Amino acid sequence: MRLDKYLKVTRLIKRRTVANEACDAGRVTLNGKVARASAEVKAGDEIGITLGTKTVTVRVLSVNEYASKENAADQYTVIGQTDAAPSV
């Protein structure tokens, strides 16, 4: 499955266009490398997302084309999360 679609299906990013823009801006990594929106996601991959000051790293557990709101979070596990305070 494409990375931008996976981010939307799992609700890590609310809309696919936003996921696509985040990938184009270099704010999404796949297995430690900056990823394009068209990159293929498979079980075992690690995805890093930086939006604003928040960075979330997740490990992909499964890839399903569709997920209900209740089941979306079952497709990944959060392995790291930081919320850097803005430096003044």
PDB file of N, CA and C in Angstrom:
ATOM      1  N   MET A   1       0.849  -1.178   0.000  1.00  0.00           N
ATOM      2  CA  MET A   1       0.000   0.000   0.000  1.00  0.00           C
ATOM      3  C   MET A   1       0.892   1.238   0.000  1.00  0.00           C
ATOM      4  N   ARG A   2       0.442   2.274  -0.680  1.00  0.00           N
ATOM      5  CA  ARG A   2       1.182   3.532  -0.714  1.00  0.00           C
ATOM      6  C   ARG A   2       1.254   4.155   0.683  1.00  0.00           C
ATOM      7  N   LEU A   3       2.355   4.833   0.952  1.00  0.00           N
ATOM      8  CA  LEU A   3       2.562   5.448   2.257  1.00  0.00           C
ATOM      9  C   LEU A   3       1.490   6.476   2.584  1.00  0.00           C
ATOM     10  N   ASP A   4       1.141   7.350   1.645  1.00  0.00           N
ATOM     11  CA  ASP A   4       0.139   8.374   1.935  1.00  0.00           C
ATOM     12  C   ASP A   4      -1.218   7.756   2.253  1.00  0.00           C
ATOM     13  N   LYS A   5      -1.574   6.688   1.551  1.00  0.00           N
ATOM     14  CA  LYS A   5      -2.847   6.015   1.823  1.00  0.00           C
ATOM     15  C   LYS A   5      -2.808   5.323   3.183  1.00  0.00           C
ATOM     16  N   TYR A   6      -1.681   4.712   3.528  1.00  0.00           N
ATOM     17  CA  TYR A   6      -1.558   4.053   4.831  1.00  0.00           C
ATOM     18  C   TYR A   6      -1.735   5.061   5.968  1.00  0.00           C
ATOM     19  N   LEU A   7      -1.114   6.230   5.841  1.00  0.00           N
ATOM     20  CA  LEU A   7      -1.232   7.260   6.877  1.00  0.00           C
ATOM     21  C   LEU A   7      -2.676   7.697   7.051  1.00  0.00           C
ATOM     22  N   LYS A   8      -3.422   7.759   5.956  1.00  0.00           N
ATOM     23  CA  LYS A   8      -4.832   8.145   6.030  1.00  0.00           C
ATOM     24  C   LYS A   8      -5.691   7.023   6.600  1.00  0.00           C
ATOM     25  N   VAL A   9      -5.509   5.796   6.119  1.00  0.00           N
ATOM     26  CA  VAL A   9      -6.321   4.662   6.572  1.00  0.00           C
ATOM     27  C   VAL A   9      -6.141   4.436   8.078  1.00  0.00           C
ATOM     28  N   THR A  10      -4.916   4.573   8.570  1.00  0.00           N
ATOM     29  CA  THR A  10      -4.653   4.355   9.994  1.00  0.00           C
ATOM     30  C   THR A  10      -4.963   5.589  10.830  1.00  0.00           C
ATOM     31  N   ARG A  11      -5.325   6.676  10.160  1.00  0.00           N
ATOM     32  CA  ARG A  11      -5.667   7.929  10.823  1.00  0.00           C
ATOM     33  C   ARG A  11      -4.492   8.561  11.581  1.00  0.00           C
ATOM     34  N   LEU A  12      -3.273   8.255  11.138  1.00  0.00           N
ATOM     35  CA  LEU A  12      -2.111   8.955  11.680  1.00  0.00           C
ATOM     36  C   LEU A  12      -2.108  10.398  11.173  1.00  0.00           C
ATOM     37  N   ILE A  13      -2.582  10.579   9.929  1.00  0.00           N
ATOM     38  CA  ILE A  13      -2.808  11.904   9.352  1.00  0.00           C
ATOM     39  C   ILE A  13      -4.231  11.891   8.822  1.00  0.00           C
ATOM     40  N   LYS A  14      -4.953  12.973   9.070  1.00  0.00           N
ATOM     41  CA  LYS A  14      -6.390  12.979   8.829  1.00  0.00           C
ATOM     42  C   LYS A  14      -6.790  12.850   7.363  1.00  0.00           C
ATOM     43  N   ARG A  15      -6.078  13.532   6.470  1.00  0.00           N
ATOM     44  CA  ARG A  15      -6.452  13.511   5.055  1.00  0.00           C
ATOM     45  C   ARG A  15      -5.268  13.071   4.206  1.00  0.00           C
ATOM     46  N   ARG A  16      -5.577  12.397   3.098  1.00  0.00           N
ATOM     47  CA  ARG A  16      -4.530  11.878   2.224  1.00  0.00           C
ATOM     48  C   ARG A  16      -3.737  13.007   1.573  1.00  0.00           C
ATOM     49  N   THR A  17      -4.383  14.103   1.245  1.00  0.00           N
ATOM     50  CA  THR A  17      -3.652  15.222   0.634  1.00  0.00           C
ATOM     51  C   THR A  17      -2.642  15.808   1.621  1.00  0.00           C
ATOM     52  N   VAL A  18      -3.004  15.855   2.895  1.00  0.00           N
ATOM     53  CA  VAL A  18      -2.080  16.352   3.914  1.00  0.00           C
ATOM     54  C   VAL A  18      -0.908  15.374   4.058  1.00  0.00           C
ATOM     55  N   ALA A  19      -1.197  14.084   4.012  1.00  0.00           N
ATOM     56  CA  ALA A  19      -0.149  13.067   4.080  1.00  0.00           C
ATOM     57  C   ALA A  19       0.793  13.201   2.879  1.00  0.00           C
ATOM     58  N   ASN A  20       0.222  13.429   1.707  1.00  0.00           N
ATOM     59  CA  ASN A  20       1.016  13.599   0.500  1.00  0.00           C
ATOM     60  C   ASN A  20       1.920  14.827   0.611  1.00  0.00           C
ATOM     61  N   GLU A  21       1.381  15.932   1.111  1.00  0.00           N
ATOM     62  CA  GLU A  21       2.161  17.158   1.275  1.00  0.00           C
ATOM     63  C   GLU A  21       3.269  16.980   2.308  1.00  0.00           C
ATOM     64  N   ALA A  22       2.989  16.250   3.390  1.00  0.00           N
ATOM     65  CA  ALA A  22       4.005  16.000   4.412  1.00  0.00           C
ATOM     66  C   ALA A  22       5.151  15.180   3.824  1.00  0.00           C
ATOM     67  N   CYS A  23       4.837  14.202   3.001  1.00  0.00           N
ATOM     68  CA  CYS A  23       5.870  13.395   2.342  1.00  0.00           C
ATOM     69  C   CYS A  23       6.706  14.261   1.404  1.00  0.00           C
ATOM     70  N   ASP A  24       6.044  15.092   0.611  1.00  0.00           N
ATOM     71  CA  ASP A  24       6.751  15.963  -0.328  1.00  0.00           C
ATOM     72  C   ASP A  24       7.673  16.948   0.392  1.00  0.00           C
ATOM     73  N   ALA A  25       7.296  17.357   1.597  1.00  0.00           N
ATOM     74  CA  ALA A  25       8.089  18.312   2.365  1.00  0.00           C
ATOM     75  C   ALA A  25       9.220  17.632   3.141  1.00  0.00           C
ATOM     76  N   GLY A  26       9.304  16.305   3.087  1.00  0.00           N
ATOM     77  CA  GLY A  26      10.376  15.588   3.769  1.00  0.00           C
ATOM     78  C   GLY A  26      10.138  15.382   5.248  1.00  0.00           C
ATOM     79  N   ARG A  27       8.880  15.456   5.689  1.00  0.00           N
ATOM     80  CA  ARG A  27       8.577  15.307   7.115  1.00  0.00           C
ATOM     81  C   ARG A  27       8.166  13.891   7.485  1.00  0.00           C
ATOM     82  N   VAL A  28       8.199  12.965   6.528  1.00  0.00           N
ATOM     83  CA  VAL A  28       7.849  11.574   6.789  1.00  0.00           C
ATOM     84  C   VAL A  28       9.026  10.694   6.391  1.00  0.00           C
ATOM     85  N   THR A  29       9.432   9.800   7.295  1.00  0.00           N
ATOM     86  CA  THR A  29      10.508   8.866   6.997  1.00  0.00           C
ATOM     87  C   THR A  29       9.972   7.447   7.031  1.00  0.00           C
ATOM     88  N   LEU A  30      10.577   6.597   6.225  1.00  0.00           N
ATOM     89  CA  LEU A  30      10.241   5.181   6.183  1.00  0.00           C
ATOM     90  C   LEU A  30      11.543   4.429   6.387  1.00  0.00           C
ATOM     91  N   ASN A  31      11.631   3.712   7.496  1.00  0.00           N
ATOM     92  CA  ASN A  31      12.849   2.973   7.853  1.00  0.00           C
ATOM     93  C   ASN A  31      14.075   3.879   7.888  1.00  0.00           C
ATOM     94  N   GLY A  32      13.907   5.077   8.428  1.00  0.00           N
ATOM     95  CA  GLY A  32      15.021   5.993   8.623  1.00  0.00           C
ATOM     96  C   GLY A  32      15.389   6.856   7.430  1.00  0.00           C
ATOM     97  N   LYS A  33      14.710   6.701   6.306  1.00  0.00           N
ATOM     98  CA  LYS A  33      15.014   7.496   5.120  1.00  0.00           C
ATOM     99  C   LYS A  33      13.792   8.326   4.739  1.00  0.00           C
ATOM    100  N   VAL A  34      14.022   9.536   4.265  1.00  0.00           N
ATOM    101  CA  VAL A  34      12.918  10.386   3.812  1.00  0.00           C
ATOM    102  C   VAL A  34      12.185   9.644   2.705  1.00  0.00           C
ATOM    103  N   ALA A  35      10.855   9.584   2.834  1.00  0.00           N
ATOM    104  CA  ALA A  35      10.057   8.762   1.923  1.00  0.00           C
ATOM    105  C   ALA A  35       9.139   9.598   1.057  1.00  0.00           C
ATOM    106  N   ARG A  36       8.901   9.104  -0.133  1.00  0.00           N
ATOM    107  CA  ARG A  36       7.919   9.707  -1.034  1.00  0.00           C
ATOM    108  C   ARG A  36       6.554   9.128  -0.710  1.00  0.00           C
ATOM    109  N   ALA A  37       5.516   9.823  -1.119  1.00  0.00           N
ATOM    110  CA  ALA A  37       4.146   9.376  -0.862  1.00  0.00           C
ATOM    111  C   ALA A  37       3.852   8.045  -1.539  1.00  0.00           C
ATOM    112  N   SER A  38       4.562   7.741  -2.616  1.00  0.00           N
ATOM    113  CA  SER A  38       4.314   6.512  -3.363  1.00  0.00           C
ATOM    114  C   SER A  38       5.092   5.311  -2.835  1.00  0.00           C
ATOM    115  N   ALA A  39       5.873   5.488  -1.772  1.00  0.00           N
ATOM    116  CA  ALA A  39       6.651   4.374  -1.213  1.00  0.00           C
ATOM    117  C   ALA A  39       5.710   3.288  -0.701  1.00  0.00           C
ATOM    118  N   GLU A  40       6.115   2.034  -0.895  1.00  0.00           N
ATOM    119  CA  GLU A  40       5.301   0.899  -0.457  1.00  0.00           C
ATOM    120  C   GLU A  40       5.545   0.622   1.025  1.00  0.00           C
ATOM    121  N   VAL A  41       4.448   0.450   1.772  1.00  0.00           N
ATOM    122  CA  VAL A  41       4.513   0.142   3.199  1.00  0.00           C
ATOM    123  C   VAL A  41       4.179  -1.330   3.386  1.00  0.00           C
ATOM    124  N   LYS A  42       4.955  -2.011   4.238  1.00  0.00           N
ATOM    125  CA  LYS A  42       4.676  -3.406   4.551  1.00  0.00           C
ATOM    126  C   LYS A  42       4.874  -3.617   6.047  1.00  0.00           C
ATOM    127  N   ALA A  43       4.369  -4.725   6.555  1.00  0.00           N
ATOM    128  CA  ALA A  43       4.485  -5.030   7.982  1.00  0.00           C
ATOM    129  C   ALA A  43       5.957  -5.058   8.384  1.00  0.00           C
ATOM    130  N   GLY A  44       6.250  -4.467   9.540  1.00  0.00           N
ATOM    131  CA  GLY A  44       7.611  -4.415  10.052  1.00  0.00           C
ATOM    132  C   GLY A  44       8.318  -3.102   9.782  1.00  0.00           C
ATOM    133  N   ASP A  45       7.801  -2.291   8.872  1.00  0.00           N
ATOM    134  CA  ASP A  45       8.409  -1.000   8.566  1.00  0.00           C
ATOM    135  C   ASP A  45       8.234  -0.032   9.737  1.00  0.00           C
ATOM    136  N   GLU A  46       9.153   0.941   9.825  1.00  0.00           N
ATOM    137  CA  GLU A  46       9.039   2.004  10.815  1.00  0.00           C
ATOM    138  C   GLU A  46       8.802   3.315  10.088  1.00  0.00           C
ATOM    139  N   ILE A  47       7.782   4.032  10.549  1.00  0.00           N
ATOM    140  CA  ILE A  47       7.416   5.315   9.936  1.00  0.00           C
ATOM    141  C   ILE A  47       7.610   6.411  10.968  1.00  0.00           C
ATOM    142  N   GLY A  48       8.298   7.482  10.581  1.00  0.00           N
ATOM    143  CA  GLY A  48       8.470   8.642  11.439  1.00  0.00           C
ATOM    144  C   GLY A  48       7.740   9.826  10.825  1.00  0.00           C
ATOM    145  N   ILE A  49       6.960  10.525  11.634  1.00  0.00           N
ATOM    146  CA  ILE A  49       6.174  11.657  11.145  1.00  0.00           C
ATOM    147  C   ILE A  49       6.483  12.868  12.013  1.00  0.00           C
ATOM    148  N   THR A  50       6.870  13.972  11.379  1.00  0.00           N
ATOM    149  CA  THR A  50       7.119  15.219  12.095  1.00  0.00           C
ATOM    150  C   THR A  50       6.139  16.261  11.587  1.00  0.00           C
ATOM    151  N   LEU A  51       5.250  16.701  12.463  1.00  0.00           N
ATOM    152  CA  LEU A  51       4.302  17.760  12.137  1.00  0.00           C
ATOM    153  C   LEU A  51       4.403  18.822  13.226  1.00  0.00           C
ATOM    154  N   GLY A  52       4.826  20.007  12.854  1.00  0.00           N
ATOM    155  CA  GLY A  52       5.033  21.056  13.841  1.00  0.00           C
ATOM    156  C   GLY A  52       6.191  20.672  14.748  1.00  0.00           C
ATOM    157  N   THR A  53       5.958  20.689  16.060  1.00  0.00           N
ATOM    158  CA  THR A  53       7.003  20.316  17.016  1.00  0.00           C
ATOM    159  C   THR A  53       6.873  18.878  17.476  1.00  0.00           C
ATOM    160  N   LYS A  54       5.879  18.181  16.981  1.00  0.00           N
ATOM    161  CA  LYS A  54       5.608  16.816  17.427  1.00  0.00           C
ATOM    162  C   LYS A  54       6.189  15.797  16.452  1.00  0.00           C
ATOM    163  N   THR A  55       6.886  14.810  16.988  1.00  0.00           N
ATOM    164  CA  THR A  55       7.429  13.726  16.180  1.00  0.00           C
ATOM    165  C   THR A  55       6.919  12.409  16.737  1.00  0.00           C
ATOM    166  N   VAL A  56       6.362  11.573  15.852  1.00  0.00           N
ATOM    167  CA  VAL A  56       5.839  10.269  16.244  1.00  0.00           C
ATOM    168  C   VAL A  56       6.510   9.206  15.384  1.00  0.00           C
ATOM    169  N   THR A  57       6.960   8.128  16.024  1.00  0.00           N
ATOM    170  CA  THR A  57       7.532   6.995  15.312  1.00  0.00           C
ATOM    171  C   THR A  57       6.671   5.776  15.594  1.00  0.00           C
ATOM    172  N   VAL A  58       6.246   5.095  14.530  1.00  0.00           N
ATOM    173  CA  VAL A  58       5.387   3.921  14.683  1.00  0.00           C
ATOM    174  C   VAL A  58       5.973   2.743  13.918  1.00  0.00           C
ATOM    175  N   ARG A  59       5.648   1.537  14.382  1.00  0.00           N
ATOM    176  CA  ARG A  59       6.019   0.315  13.670  1.00  0.00           C
ATOM    177  C   ARG A  59       4.754  -0.278  13.074  1.00  0.00           C
ATOM    178  N   VAL A  60       4.798  -0.597  11.798  1.00  0.00           N
ATOM    179  CA  VAL A  60       3.648  -1.144  11.077  1.00  0.00           C
ATOM    180  C   VAL A  60       3.461  -2.602  11.485  1.00  0.00           C
ATOM    181  N   LEU A  61       2.266  -2.929  11.978  1.00  0.00           N
ATOM    182  CA  LEU A  61       1.942  -4.306  12.355  1.00  0.00           C
ATOM    183  C   LEU A  61       1.212  -5.031  11.237  1.00  0.00           C
ATOM    184  N   SER A  62       0.321  -4.329  10.545  1.00  0.00           N
ATOM    185  CA  SER A  62      -0.413  -4.919   9.437  1.00  0.00           C
ATOM    186  C   SER A  62      -0.807  -3.822   8.460  1.00  0.00           C
ATOM    187  N   VAL A  63      -1.118  -4.243   7.244  1.00  0.00           N
ATOM    188  CA  VAL A  63      -1.523  -3.316   6.197  1.00  0.00           C
ATOM    189  C   VAL A  63      -2.857  -3.798   5.650  1.00  0.00           C
ATOM    190  N   ASN A  64      -3.909  -3.017   5.878  1.00  0.00           N
ATOM    191  CA  ASN A  64      -5.246  -3.333   5.384  1.00  0.00           C
ATOM    192  C   ASN A  64      -5.760  -2.149   4.584  1.00  0.00           C
ATOM    193  N   GLU A  65      -6.454  -2.429   3.500  1.00  0.00           N
ATOM    194  CA  GLU A  65      -6.972  -1.378   2.632  1.00  0.00           C
ATOM    195  C   GLU A  65      -7.987  -0.482   3.337  1.00  0.00           C
ATOM    196  N   TYR A  66      -8.757  -1.068   4.234  1.00  0.00           N
ATOM    197  CA  TYR A  66      -9.799  -0.322   4.937  1.00  0.00           C
ATOM    198  C   TYR A  66      -9.698  -0.616   6.426  1.00  0.00           C
ATOM    199  N   ALA A  67     -10.072   0.370   7.237  1.00  0.00           N
ATOM    200  CA  ALA A  67     -10.085   0.174   8.682  1.00  0.00           C
ATOM    201  C   ALA A  67     -11.155   1.076   9.280  1.00  0.00           C
ATOM    202  N   SER A  68     -11.904   0.510  10.203  1.00  0.00           N
ATOM    203  CA  SER A  68     -12.882   1.334  10.905  1.00  0.00           C
ATOM    204  C   SER A  68     -12.141   2.197  11.920  1.00  0.00           C
ATOM    205  N   LYS A  69     -12.827   3.164  12.435  1.00  0.00           N
ATOM    206  CA  LYS A  69     -12.224   4.072  13.408  1.00  0.00           C
ATOM    207  C   LYS A  69     -11.671   3.301  14.601  1.00  0.00           C
ATOM    208  N   GLU A  70     -12.404   2.275  15.030  1.00  0.00           N
ATOM    209  CA  GLU A  70     -12.006   1.494  16.193  1.00  0.00           C
ATOM    210  C   GLU A  70     -10.793   0.605  15.900  1.00  0.00           C
ATOM    211  N   ASN A  71     -10.652   0.129  14.650  1.00  0.00           N
ATOM    212  CA  ASN A  71      -9.591  -0.813  14.305  1.00  0.00           C
ATOM    213  C   ASN A  71      -8.358  -0.157  13.703  1.00  0.00           C
ATOM    214  N   ALA A  72      -8.407   1.131  13.430  1.00  0.00           N
ATOM    215  CA  ALA A  72      -7.298   1.805  12.748  1.00  0.00           C
ATOM    216  C   ALA A  72      -6.003   1.716  13.552  1.00  0.00           C
ATOM    217  N   ALA A  73      -6.058   1.919  14.841  1.00  0.00           N
ATOM    218  CA  ALA A  73      -4.857   1.923  15.675  1.00  0.00           C
ATOM    219  C   ALA A  73      -4.267   0.531  15.875  1.00  0.00           C
ATOM    220  N   ASP A  74      -5.004  -0.514  15.511  1.00  0.00           N
ATOM    221  CA  ASP A  74      -4.494  -1.879  15.645  1.00  0.00           C
ATOM    222  C   ASP A  74      -3.481  -2.218  14.558  1.00  0.00           C
ATOM    223  N   GLN A  75      -3.341  -1.366  13.550  1.00  0.00           N
ATOM    224  CA  GLN A  75      -2.429  -1.638  12.444  1.00  0.00           C
ATOM    225  C   GLN A  75      -1.003  -1.173  12.722  1.00  0.00           C
ATOM    226  N   TYR A  76      -0.788  -0.465  13.826  1.00  0.00           N
ATOM    227  CA  TYR A  76       0.553   0.018  14.153  1.00  0.00           C
ATOM    228  C   TYR A  76       0.727   0.091  15.660  1.00  0.00           C
ATOM    229  N   THR A  77       1.982   0.214  16.091  1.00  0.00           N
ATOM    230  CA  THR A  77       2.285   0.453  17.492  1.00  0.00           C
ATOM    231  C   THR A  77       3.240   1.639  17.573  1.00  0.00           C
ATOM    232  N   VAL A  78       2.998   2.525  18.526  1.00  0.00           N
ATOM    233  CA  VAL A  78       3.841   3.705  18.700  1.00  0.00           C
ATOM    234  C   VAL A  78       5.105   3.275  19.433  1.00  0.00           C
ATOM    235  N   ILE A  79       6.268   3.558  18.847  1.00  0.00           N
ATOM    236  CA  ILE A  79       7.529   3.187  19.487  1.00  0.00           C
ATOM    237  C   ILE A  79       8.298   4.400  19.987  1.00  0.00           C
ATOM    238  N   GLY A  80       7.847   5.594  19.620  1.00  0.00           N
ATOM    239  CA  GLY A  80       8.490   6.803  20.109  1.00  0.00           C
ATOM    240  C   GLY A  80       7.645   8.021  19.822  1.00  0.00           C
ATOM    241  N   GLN A  81       7.682   8.973  20.764  1.00  0.00           N
ATOM    242  CA  GLN A  81       6.904  10.197  20.578  1.00  0.00           C
ATOM    243  C   GLN A  81       7.591  11.311  21.340  1.00  0.00           C
ATOM    244  N   THR A  82       7.835  12.427  20.642  1.00  0.00           N
ATOM    245  CA  THR A  82       8.431  13.581  21.299  1.00  0.00           C
ATOM    246  C   THR A  82       7.608  14.817  20.977  1.00  0.00           C
ATOM    247  N   ASP A  83       7.606  15.730  21.890  1.00  0.00           N
ATOM    248  CA  ASP A  83       6.927  17.006  21.692  1.00  0.00           C
ATOM    249  C   ASP A  83       7.902  18.084  22.146  1.00  0.00           C
ATOM    250  N   ALA A  84       8.734  18.544  21.219  1.00  0.00           N
ATOM    251  CA  ALA A  84       9.769  19.521  21.535  1.00  0.00           C
ATOM    252  C   ALA A  84       9.145  20.876  21.780  1.00  0.00           C
ATOM    253  N   ALA A  85       9.482  21.467  22.910  1.00  0.00           N
ATOM    254  CA  ALA A  85       8.993  22.810  23.226  1.00  0.00           C
ATOM    255  C   ALA A  85       9.766  23.814  22.376  1.00  0.00           C
ATOM    256  N   PRO A  86       9.098  24.828  21.884  1.00  0.00           N
ATOM    257  CA  PRO A  86       9.805  25.833  21.066  1.00  0.00           C
ATOM    258  C   PRO A  86      10.838  26.576  21.902  1.00  0.00           C
ATOM    259  N   SER A  87      12.027  26.721  21.339  1.00  0.00           N
ATOM    260  CA  SER A  87      13.094  27.431  22.053  1.00  0.00           C
ATOM    261  C   SER A  87      12.909  28.934  21.879  1.00  0.00           C
ATOM    262  N   VAL A  88      13.142  29.648  22.959  1.00  0.00           N
ATOM    263  CA  VAL A  88      12.915  31.090  22.941  1.00  0.00           C
ATOM    264  C   VAL A  88      14.226  31.817  22.950  1.00  0.00           C
TER     265      VAL A  88
END
